[in-house]
C-alpha atoms as a PDB file:
ATOM      1  CA  MET A   1     126.015  79.888 108.896  1.00  0.00           C
ATOM      2  CA  SER A   2     124.935  81.742 105.770  1.00  0.00           C
ATOM      3  CA  ARG A   3     122.115  84.373 106.589  1.00  0.00           C
ATOM      4  CA  THR A   4     119.281  84.931 104.199  1.00  0.00           C
ATOM      5  CA  VAL A   5     116.639  87.515 104.408  1.00  0.00           C
ATOM      6  CA  GLY A   6     113.702  87.921 102.561  1.00  0.00           C
ATOM      7  CA  ILE A   7     113.418  91.802 100.680  1.00  0.00           C
ATOM      8  CA  ILE A   8     109.909  93.308  99.977  1.00  0.00           C
ATOM      9  CA  PRO A   9     110.941  96.232  97.311  1.00  0.00           C
ATOM     10  CA  CYS A  10     107.476  98.701  96.906  1.00  0.00           C
ATOM     11  CA  HIS A  11     106.575 102.019  95.859  1.00  0.00           C
ATOM     12  CA  LEU A  12     102.874 104.038  95.656  1.00  0.00           C
ATOM     13  CA  ALA A  13     103.551 105.039  91.987  1.00  0.00           C
ATOM     14  CA  SER A  14     102.140 101.734  90.572  1.00  0.00           C
ATOM     15  CA  VAL A  15     101.347 102.990  86.625  1.00  0.00           C
ATOM     16  CA  ARG A  16      98.341 100.345  85.886  1.00  0.00           C
ATOM     17  CA  PHE A  17      96.831 100.153  89.847  1.00  0.00           C
ATOM     18  CA  PRO A  18      98.212 103.572  91.988  1.00  0.00           C
ATOM     19  CA  ARG A  19      98.889 103.237  95.154  1.00  0.00           C
ATOM     20  CA  LYS A  20      97.919  99.220  94.849  1.00  0.00           C
ATOM     21  CA  ILE A  21     100.617  98.270  97.439  1.00  0.00           C
ATOM     22  CA  LEU A  22      98.278  99.803 100.520  1.00  0.00           C
ATOM     23  CA  PHE A  23      94.835  98.062  98.896  1.00  0.00           C
ATOM     24  CA  PRO A  24      93.140  96.555 102.092  1.00  0.00           C
ATOM     25  CA  PHE A  25      92.632  92.687 102.274  1.00  0.00           C
ATOM     26  CA  ALA A  26      90.797  91.552 105.435  1.00  0.00           C
ATOM     27  CA  GLY A  27      91.851  94.994 107.027  1.00  0.00           C
ATOM     28  CA  LEU A  28      95.428  94.093 106.433  1.00  0.00           C
ATOM     29  CA  PRO A  29      97.660  96.280 103.307  1.00  0.00           C
ATOM     30  CA  MET A  30      98.729  93.748 100.483  1.00  0.00           C
ATOM     31  CA  VAL A  31     102.448  94.512 101.454  1.00  0.00           C
ATOM     32  CA  GLU A  32     101.707  93.444 104.847  1.00  0.00           C
ATOM     33  CA  HIS A  33      99.786  89.903 103.988  1.00  0.00           C
ATOM     34  CA  VAL A  34     103.070  89.372 102.081  1.00  0.00           C
ATOM     35  CA  ARG A  35     105.543  90.337 104.816  1.00  0.00           C
ATOM     36  CA  ARG A  36     103.765  88.148 107.423  1.00  0.00           C
ATOM     37  CA  ARG A  37     103.062  84.999 105.000  1.00  0.00           C
ATOM     38  CA  ALA A  38     107.231  85.114 104.088  1.00  0.00           C
ATOM     39  CA  LEU A  39     107.604  84.957 108.040  1.00  0.00           C
ATOM     40  CA  MET A  40     105.680  82.274 108.205  1.00  0.00           C
ATOM     41  CA  ALA A  41     108.792  80.397 105.635  1.00  0.00           C
ATOM     42  CA  ASP A  42     111.223  77.828 107.907  1.00  0.00           C
ATOM     43  CA  GLY A  43     114.559  79.330 107.199  1.00  0.00           C
ATOM     44  CA  LEU A  44     114.386  83.079 106.233  1.00  0.00           C
ATOM     45  CA  ASP A  45     116.177  85.267 108.790  1.00  0.00           C
ATOM     46  CA  ASP A  46     114.424  88.601 108.296  1.00  0.00           C
ATOM     47  CA  VAL A  47     111.642  89.913 105.920  1.00  0.00           C
ATOM     48  CA  ILE A  48     112.637  93.659 104.943  1.00  0.00           C
ATOM     49  CA  VAL A  49     110.549  96.248 103.424  1.00  0.00           C
ATOM     50  CA  ALA A  50     112.519  98.398 100.596  1.00  0.00           C
ATOM     51  CA  THR A  51     110.614 101.653  99.923  1.00  0.00           C
ATOM     52  CA  CYS A  52     110.821 105.581  98.860  1.00  0.00           C
ATOM     53  CA  ASP A  53     107.224 106.224 100.322  1.00  0.00           C
ATOM     54  CA  ASP A  54     106.509 107.878 103.967  1.00  0.00           C
ATOM     55  CA  GLU A  55     103.139 106.119 103.973  1.00  0.00           C
ATOM     56  CA  ILE A  56     104.452 102.587 103.400  1.00  0.00           C
ATOM     57  CA  GLU A  57     106.868 102.988 105.743  1.00  0.00           C
ATOM     58  CA  ALA A  58     104.558 104.461 108.545  1.00  0.00           C
ATOM     59  CA  GLU A  59     102.363 101.211 107.274  1.00  0.00           C
ATOM     60  CA  ILE A  60     104.676  98.816 108.205  1.00  0.00           C
ATOM     61  CA  ALA A  61     106.610 100.364 111.389  1.00  0.00           C
ATOM     62  CA  ARG A  62     102.654 100.549 112.881  1.00  0.00           C
ATOM     63  CA  HIS A  63     102.737  96.485 112.240  1.00  0.00           C
ATOM     64  CA  GLY A  64     105.898  96.512 113.668  1.00  0.00           C
ATOM     65  CA  GLY A  65     107.985  95.669 110.818  1.00  0.00           C
ATOM     66  CA  HIS A  66     111.583  96.444 109.411  1.00  0.00           C
ATOM     67  CA  VAL A  67     111.774  99.062 106.530  1.00  0.00           C
ATOM     68  CA  VAL A  68     114.943 100.259 104.740  1.00  0.00           C
ATOM     69  CA  ARG A  69     114.428 103.660 102.613  1.00  0.00           C
ATOM     70  CA  THR A  70     115.579 103.690  99.473  1.00  0.00           C
ATOM     71  CA  ALA A  71     115.906 106.500  96.471  1.00  0.00           C
ATOM     72  CA  ASN A  72     112.811 107.368  94.245  1.00  0.00           C
ATOM     73  CA  THR A  73     114.746 106.924  91.170  1.00  0.00           C
ATOM     74  CA  HIS A  74     114.495 103.018  90.960  1.00  0.00           C
ATOM     75  CA  THR A  75     112.997 101.386  87.967  1.00  0.00           C
ATOM     76  CA  ASN A  76     112.736  98.018  89.158  1.00  0.00           C
ATOM     77  CA  GLY A  77     112.115  96.246  92.092  1.00  0.00           C
ATOM     78  CA  THR A  78     116.296  94.309  91.690  1.00  0.00           C
ATOM     79  CA  SER A  79     117.522  97.713  91.713  1.00  0.00           C
ATOM     80  CA  ARG A  80     115.781  98.996  94.665  1.00  0.00           C
ATOM     81  CA  ILE A  81     116.902  95.959  96.974  1.00  0.00           C
ATOM     82  CA  ALA A  82     120.403  96.249  95.642  1.00  0.00           C
ATOM     83  CA  GLU A  83     120.374  99.611  97.172  1.00  0.00           C
ATOM     84  CA  ALA A  84     118.754  98.123 100.330  1.00  0.00           C
ATOM     85  CA  VAL A  85     120.894  95.696 100.934  1.00  0.00           C
ATOM     86  CA  LYS A  86     124.123  97.627 100.650  1.00  0.00           C
ATOM     87  CA  GLY A  87     123.551  98.180 104.870  1.00  0.00           C
ATOM     88  CA  ILE A  88     121.936  94.357 105.268  1.00  0.00           C
ATOM     89  CA  ASP A  89     124.160  92.032 106.825  1.00  0.00           C
ATOM     90  CA  CYS A  90     123.199  88.651 104.662  1.00  0.00           C
ATOM     91  CA  ASP A  91     124.540  86.492 102.328  1.00  0.00           C
ATOM     92  CA  ASN A  92     121.844  85.792 100.144  1.00  0.00           C
ATOM     93  CA  VAL A  93     118.557  87.734  99.259  1.00  0.00           C
ATOM     94  CA  ILE A  94     115.118  86.649  98.265  1.00  0.00           C
ATOM     95  CA  LEU A  95     113.170  88.975  96.165  1.00  0.00           C
ATOM     96  CA  LEU A  96     109.174  89.119  97.461  1.00  0.00           C
ATOM     97  CA  GLN A  97     106.885  90.559  95.566  1.00  0.00           C
ATOM     98  CA  GLY A  98     104.310  93.079  97.708  1.00  0.00           C
ATOM     99  CA  ASP A  99     101.633  92.363  95.054  1.00  0.00           C
ATOM    100  CA  GLU A 100     101.550  88.977  95.694  1.00  0.00           C
ATOM    101  CA  PRO A 101      99.382  88.419  98.614  1.00  0.00           C
ATOM    102  CA  LEU A 102      98.748  85.022  97.968  1.00  0.00           C
ATOM    103  CA  LEU A 103     102.278  84.102  98.799  1.00  0.00           C
ATOM    104  CA  LEU A 104     102.594  80.924  99.629  1.00  0.00           C
ATOM    105  CA  PRO A 105     105.020  80.242 103.099  1.00  0.00           C
ATOM    106  CA  ALA A 106     105.762  76.613 100.962  1.00  0.00           C
ATOM    107  CA  HIS A 107     107.299  78.285  98.174  1.00  0.00           C
ATOM    108  CA  VAL A 108     109.529  80.125 100.040  1.00  0.00           C
ATOM    109  CA  GLU A 109     110.809  77.164 101.510  1.00  0.00           C
ATOM    110  CA  ALA A 110     111.191  75.658  98.333  1.00  0.00           C
ATOM    111  CA  LEU A 111     113.508  78.244  97.176  1.00  0.00           C
ATOM    112  CA  LEU A 112     115.707  77.951 100.250  1.00  0.00           C
ATOM    113  CA  ALA A 113     115.777  74.268  99.257  1.00  0.00           C
ATOM    114  CA  GLY A 114     116.568  74.671  95.766  1.00  0.00           C
ATOM    115  CA  MET A 115     119.566  77.108  97.024  1.00  0.00           C
ATOM    116  CA  ALA A 116     120.919  74.494  99.380  1.00  0.00           C
ATOM    117  CA  ALA A 117     120.537  71.575  96.470  1.00  0.00           C
ATOM    118  CA  LYS A 118     122.534  73.725  93.984  1.00  0.00           C
ATOM    119  CA  PRO A 119     124.969  76.278  95.745  1.00  0.00           C
ATOM    120  CA  ASP A 120     126.633  76.790  92.296  1.00  0.00           C
ATOM    121  CA  GLY A 121     123.808  79.187  91.350  1.00  0.00           C
ATOM    122  CA  ASP A 122     123.794  82.567  90.881  1.00  0.00           C
ATOM    123  CA  LEU A 123     119.978  83.284  90.835  1.00  0.00           C
ATOM    124  CA  TRP A 124     117.503  80.883  91.766  1.00  0.00           C
ATOM    125  CA  ASN A 125     113.923  81.713  90.053  1.00  0.00           C
ATOM    126  CA  VAL A 126     110.565  79.919  91.416  1.00  0.00           C
ATOM    127  CA  THR A 127     108.805  78.709  88.172  1.00  0.00           C
ATOM    128  CA  GLY A 128     105.695  77.806  87.887  1.00  0.00           C
ATOM    129  CA  PRO A 129     103.837  75.218  84.993  1.00  0.00           C
ATOM    130  CA  ILE A 130     102.725  76.019  81.286  1.00  0.00           C
ATOM    131  CA  GLU A 131      98.821  75.389  81.650  1.00  0.00           C
ATOM    132  CA  ALA A 132      97.671  75.841  78.390  1.00  0.00           C
ATOM    133  CA  ALA A 133      98.882  76.432  74.752  1.00  0.00           C
ATOM    134  CA  GLU A 134      98.177  80.101  74.640  1.00  0.00           C
ATOM    135  CA  GLU A 135     100.448  81.048  77.097  1.00  0.00           C
ATOM    136  CA  LEU A 136     103.587  80.104  75.302  1.00  0.00           C
ATOM    137  CA  ASP A 137     102.790  83.472  73.515  1.00  0.00           C
ATOM    138  CA  ARG A 138     101.337  85.748  76.117  1.00  0.00           C
ATOM    139  CA  HIS A 139     103.289  88.633  75.913  1.00  0.00           C
ATOM    140  CA  SER A 140     102.340  89.527  79.581  1.00  0.00           C
ATOM    141  CA  PHE A 141     104.583  87.008  81.587  1.00  0.00           C
ATOM    142  CA  VAL A 142     107.756  85.492  81.188  1.00  0.00           C
ATOM    143  CA  LYS A 143     108.548  81.829  80.431  1.00  0.00           C
ATOM    144  CA  CYS A 144     112.137  80.135  80.689  1.00  0.00           C
ATOM    145  CA  ALA A 145     113.798  77.020  78.585  1.00  0.00           C
ATOM    146  CA  VAL A 146     114.847  74.884  81.478  1.00  0.00           C
ATOM    147  CA  ALA A 147     118.026  72.018  81.329  1.00  0.00           C
ATOM    148  CA  PRO A 148     117.494  68.639  83.121  1.00  0.00           C
ATOM    149  CA  ASP A 149     119.738  69.873  85.692  1.00  0.00           C
ATOM    150  CA  ASP A 150     117.422  72.663  86.439  1.00  0.00           C
ATOM    151  CA  ARG A 151     119.213  75.245  84.694  1.00  0.00           C
ATOM    152  CA  ILE A 152     117.947  78.290  83.145  1.00  0.00           C
ATOM    153  CA  LEU A 153     118.912  78.254  79.370  1.00  0.00           C
ATOM    154  CA  TYR A 154     116.975  81.155  77.976  1.00  0.00           C
ATOM    155  CA  CYS A 155     113.896  83.474  78.687  1.00  0.00           C
ATOM    156  CA  PHE A 156     111.244  84.826  76.101  1.00  0.00           C
ATOM    157  CA  ARG A 157     108.013  85.891  76.128  1.00  0.00           C
ATOM    158  CA  ARG A 158     107.016  84.456  72.614  1.00  0.00           C
ATOM    159  CA  SER A 159     107.848  81.188  72.513  1.00  0.00           C
ATOM    160  CA  PRO A 160     110.891  80.556  69.898  1.00  0.00           C
ATOM    161  CA  SER A 161     110.047  76.517  69.710  1.00  0.00           C
ATOM    162  CA  HIS A 162     108.154  75.069  66.750  1.00  0.00           C
ATOM    163  CA  ALA A 163     107.825  71.696  68.853  1.00  0.00           C
ATOM    164  CA  PRO A 164     103.852  70.736  69.755  1.00  0.00           C
ATOM    165  CA  PHE A 165     102.517  72.208  73.077  1.00  0.00           C
ATOM    166  CA  ASP A 166     102.697  69.000  74.911  1.00  0.00           C
ATOM    167  CA  VAL A 167     106.379  68.569  74.251  1.00  0.00           C
ATOM    168  CA  GLN A 168     106.976  72.393  75.265  1.00  0.00           C
ATOM    169  CA  GLN A 169     105.521  71.356  78.311  1.00  0.00           C
ATOM    170  CA  GLY A 170     108.439  69.183  79.354  1.00  0.00           C
ATOM    171  CA  TYR A 171     111.060  72.194  79.186  1.00  0.00           C
ATOM    172  CA  VAL A 172     109.170  75.471  79.468  1.00  0.00           C
ATOM    173  CA  ARG A 173     108.371  76.803  82.462  1.00  0.00           C
ATOM    174  CA  LYS A 174     106.446  79.673  83.950  1.00  0.00           C
ATOM    175  CA  ILE A 175     108.995  82.398  85.593  1.00  0.00           C
ATOM    176  CA  LEU A 176     107.412  83.585  88.976  1.00  0.00           C
ATOM    177  CA  GLY A 177     107.845  86.399  90.918  1.00  0.00           C
ATOM    178  CA  LEU A 178     109.949  84.977  93.954  1.00  0.00           C
ATOM    179  CA  PHE A 179     113.838  84.759  93.384  1.00  0.00           C
ATOM    180  CA  ALA A 180     116.924  84.738  94.865  1.00  0.00           C
ATOM    181  CA  PHE A 181     120.418  86.039  94.909  1.00  0.00           C
ATOM    182  CA  ARG A 182     123.868  85.537  96.189  1.00  0.00           C
ATOM    183  CA  ARG A 183     124.467  88.899  97.997  1.00  0.00           C
ATOM    184  CA  ASP A 184     127.818  89.519  95.810  1.00  0.00           C
ATOM    185  CA  VAL A 185     126.022  88.965  92.607  1.00  0.00           C
ATOM    186  CA  LEU A 186     123.181  91.129  93.513  1.00  0.00           C
ATOM    187  CA  LEU A 187     125.460  93.846  93.547  1.00  0.00           C
ATOM    188  CA  GLU A 188     127.508  93.115  90.943  1.00  0.00           C
ATOM    189  CA  VAL A 189     124.988  92.852  88.801  1.00  0.00           C
ATOM    190  CA  ALA A 190     122.200  95.561  89.387  1.00  0.00           C
ATOM    191  CA  GLY A 191     125.229  97.852  88.479  1.00  0.00           C
ATOM    192  CA  ALA A 192     126.276  96.864  85.669  1.00  0.00           C
ATOM    193  CA  ALA A 193     124.763  98.523  82.456  1.00  0.00           C
ATOM    194  CA  GLN A 194     121.604  96.863  80.496  1.00  0.00           C
ATOM    195  CA  THR A 195     122.422  94.124  78.053  1.00  0.00           C
ATOM    196  CA  PRO A 196     120.845  94.450  74.540  1.00  0.00           C
ATOM    197  CA  ILE A 197     118.666  91.236  75.252  1.00  0.00           C
ATOM    198  CA  GLU A 198     117.297  92.142  78.349  1.00  0.00           C
ATOM    199  CA  ARG A 199     116.620  95.867  76.983  1.00  0.00           C
ATOM    200  CA  ALA A 200     115.159  94.605  74.137  1.00  0.00           C
ATOM    201  CA  GLU A 201     112.733  91.850  75.588  1.00  0.00           C
ATOM    202  CA  SER A 202     112.317  93.743  79.063  1.00  0.00           C
ATOM    203  CA  ILE A 203     113.130  90.490  80.728  1.00  0.00           C
ATOM    204  CA  GLU A 204     115.747  91.142  83.933  1.00  0.00           C
ATOM    205  CA  GLN A 205     117.264  87.737  83.926  1.00  0.00           C
ATOM    206  CA  MET A 206     118.521  88.004  80.714  1.00  0.00           C
ATOM    207  CA  ARG A 207     121.583  90.459  82.026  1.00  0.00           C
ATOM    208  CA  LEU A 208     122.624  87.525  84.440  1.00  0.00           C
ATOM    209  CA  ILE A 209     122.284  84.858  81.625  1.00  0.00           C
ATOM    210  CA  GLU A 210     124.026  87.605  78.846  1.00  0.00           C
ATOM    211  CA  HIS A 211     126.983  87.665  81.767  1.00  0.00           C
ATOM    212  CA  GLY A 212     127.324  83.897  81.563  1.00  0.00           C
ATOM    213  CA  ARG A 213     125.593  83.498  85.008  1.00  0.00           C
ATOM    214  CA  ARG A 214     123.821  80.482  86.421  1.00  0.00           C
ATOM    215  CA  LEU A 215     120.238  80.498  86.801  1.00  0.00           C
ATOM    216  CA  TYR A 216     118.076  77.904  88.169  1.00  0.00           C
ATOM    217  CA  SER A 217     114.676  77.227  88.266  1.00  0.00           C
ATOM    218  CA  VAL A 218     113.021  76.000  91.350  1.00  0.00           C
ATOM    219  CA  PRO A 219     109.758  74.181  90.269  1.00  0.00           C
ATOM    220  CA  VAL A 220     106.125  74.358  92.198  1.00  0.00           C
ATOM    221  CA  GLY A 221     103.400  72.581  91.397  1.00  0.00           C
ATOM    222  CA  GLU A 222     101.234  75.900  90.962  1.00  0.00           C
ATOM    223  CA  SER A 223     100.784  79.613  89.779  1.00  0.00           C
ATOM    224  CA  LEU A 224      99.577  82.127  91.777  1.00  0.00           C
ATOM    225  CA  PRO A 225      97.763  85.139  90.513  1.00  0.00           C
ATOM    226  CA  SER A 226      99.321  89.031  91.903  1.00  0.00           C
ATOM    227  CA  VAL A 227      97.527  92.034  91.522  1.00  0.00           C
ATOM    228  CA  ASN A 228      98.780  94.135  88.655  1.00  0.00           C
ATOM    229  CA  GLU A 229      95.421  96.151  87.552  1.00  0.00           C
ATOM    230  CA  PRO A 230      92.468  96.982  89.822  1.00  0.00           C
ATOM    231  CA  HIS A 231      90.222  94.192  88.697  1.00  0.00           C
ATOM    232  CA  GLU A 232      92.267  91.387  89.905  1.00  0.00           C
ATOM    233  CA  ALA A 233      92.131  92.323  93.355  1.00  0.00           C
ATOM    234  CA  ASP A 234      88.504  90.504  93.245  1.00  0.00           C
ATOM    235  CA  ILE A 235      90.495  87.598  92.064  1.00  0.00           C
ATOM    236  CA  VAL A 236      92.619  87.395  94.902  1.00  0.00           C
ATOM    237  CA  LEU A 237      90.325  88.068  97.669  1.00  0.00           C
ATOM    238  CA  GLU A 238      87.850  85.258  96.161  1.00  0.00           C
ATOM    239  CA  ARG A 239      90.450  83.085  96.099  1.00  0.00           C
ATOM    240  CA  ILE A 240      91.513  83.911 100.036  1.00  0.00           C
ATOM    241  CA  GLU A 241      87.794  83.295 101.028  1.00  0.00           C
ATOM    242  CA  THR A 242      87.320  80.151  99.019  1.00  0.00           C
ATOM    243  CA  ASP A 243      90.720  78.631  99.182  1.00  0.00           C
ATOM    244  CA  PRO A 244      90.867  76.022 102.090  1.00  0.00           C
ATOM    245  CA  VAL A 245      94.893  76.728 102.425  1.00  0.00           C
ATOM    246  CA  GLN A 246      94.811  80.151 101.569  1.00  0.00           C
ATOM    247  CA  ALA A 247      91.991  80.607 104.056  1.00  0.00           C
ATOM    248  CA  GLY A 248      94.113  79.314 106.635  1.00  0.00           C
ATOM    249  CA  LEU A 249      96.858  81.489 105.882  1.00  0.00           C
ATOM    250  CA  LEU A 250      94.629  84.688 105.876  1.00  0.00           C
ATOM    251  CA  SER A 251      93.672  83.496 109.938  1.00  0.00           C
ATOM    252  CA  ARG A 252      97.227  82.735 110.763  1.00  0.00           C
ATOM    253  CA  VAL A 253      98.041  86.461 108.951  1.00  0.00           C
ATOM    254  CA  LEU A 254      95.369  88.280 111.025  1.00  0.00           C
ATOM    255  CA  ALA A 255      96.429  86.467 114.261  1.00  0.00           C
ATOM    256  CA  ALA A 256      99.910  87.246 113.700  1.00  0.00           C
ATOM    257  CA  GLY A 257     101.988  89.429 115.572  1.00  0.00           C
ATOM    258  CA  LEU A 258     104.887  89.250 113.423  1.00  0.00           C
END
C-alpha cells in the first residue's frame, strides 16, 4: 500500500513579510494552523515541517509536530521538500504551503482522490476557477490551460489566448499552492537544472512540462487567500472569523491535540 506524506516547507526570511510563518492567529502560529488542518484530511499518513530555522523547529516541536531540518540555501519550496524527503519513507509527497492558514482538509482529500483517479501522473495540482477577466493577465499568480482529460498543457502568468473570457473560463484555471509529486519524480526533477521557460516565466511547473512529464489538474470550487504581505493577515483573520466553515475548522484546530 502506498504511503503519502504532506510536507510544509518554510523559513523565517520571507522577503515581503519576514517571519510571517510564525504570525499568530488565535494564539497559534500560522504554520501550525496549516499542519493541524492537513492532519484532519483523511488519507495522509503524516504531516512534516521542513525548515532551516531553529525557532520554527522549536515551535512545531512544542505542539508535538514532526520536523525535518534542511539547508538554508533553498530558493523554493520544491527543492526544500526534495531534501527533506530523502530521509522519509513514502511513495508520494504533497507540498503544503505554510502561509495558507485557510487550508481546507477537503481540498487535500480532493488532491488524494485526484491522484488515485489519474495514477499515471507525475504531478497533480489543485486548481481553482478564474473568476474575473483581469485575472487572466495578473502576473502575481500562475494560470494553466487544461485539456478535457484534466492534463495541464502549459502554465502562464499572462494569457496567450485571444479567445473571449467566457470561452477561456472553460479551459483556463488558477494554479493553487497545493500539489503532489511521486517521490521519485520529485527527486529527479528537483535535481535537474532549471529549464528555459521555467527560468524566463518563474513557473516551477514548467520544468516538469519541459521534461515531458504528465501534470494533472485537480479542480476545486474555490480559491482561498494566502498571506503574502502583512495586510493580508487581516483578510485571512476576517475570513476565519466570519465564514461558518472556517470558523468550524478554527474550533477543531484549537481543540486538536495533534
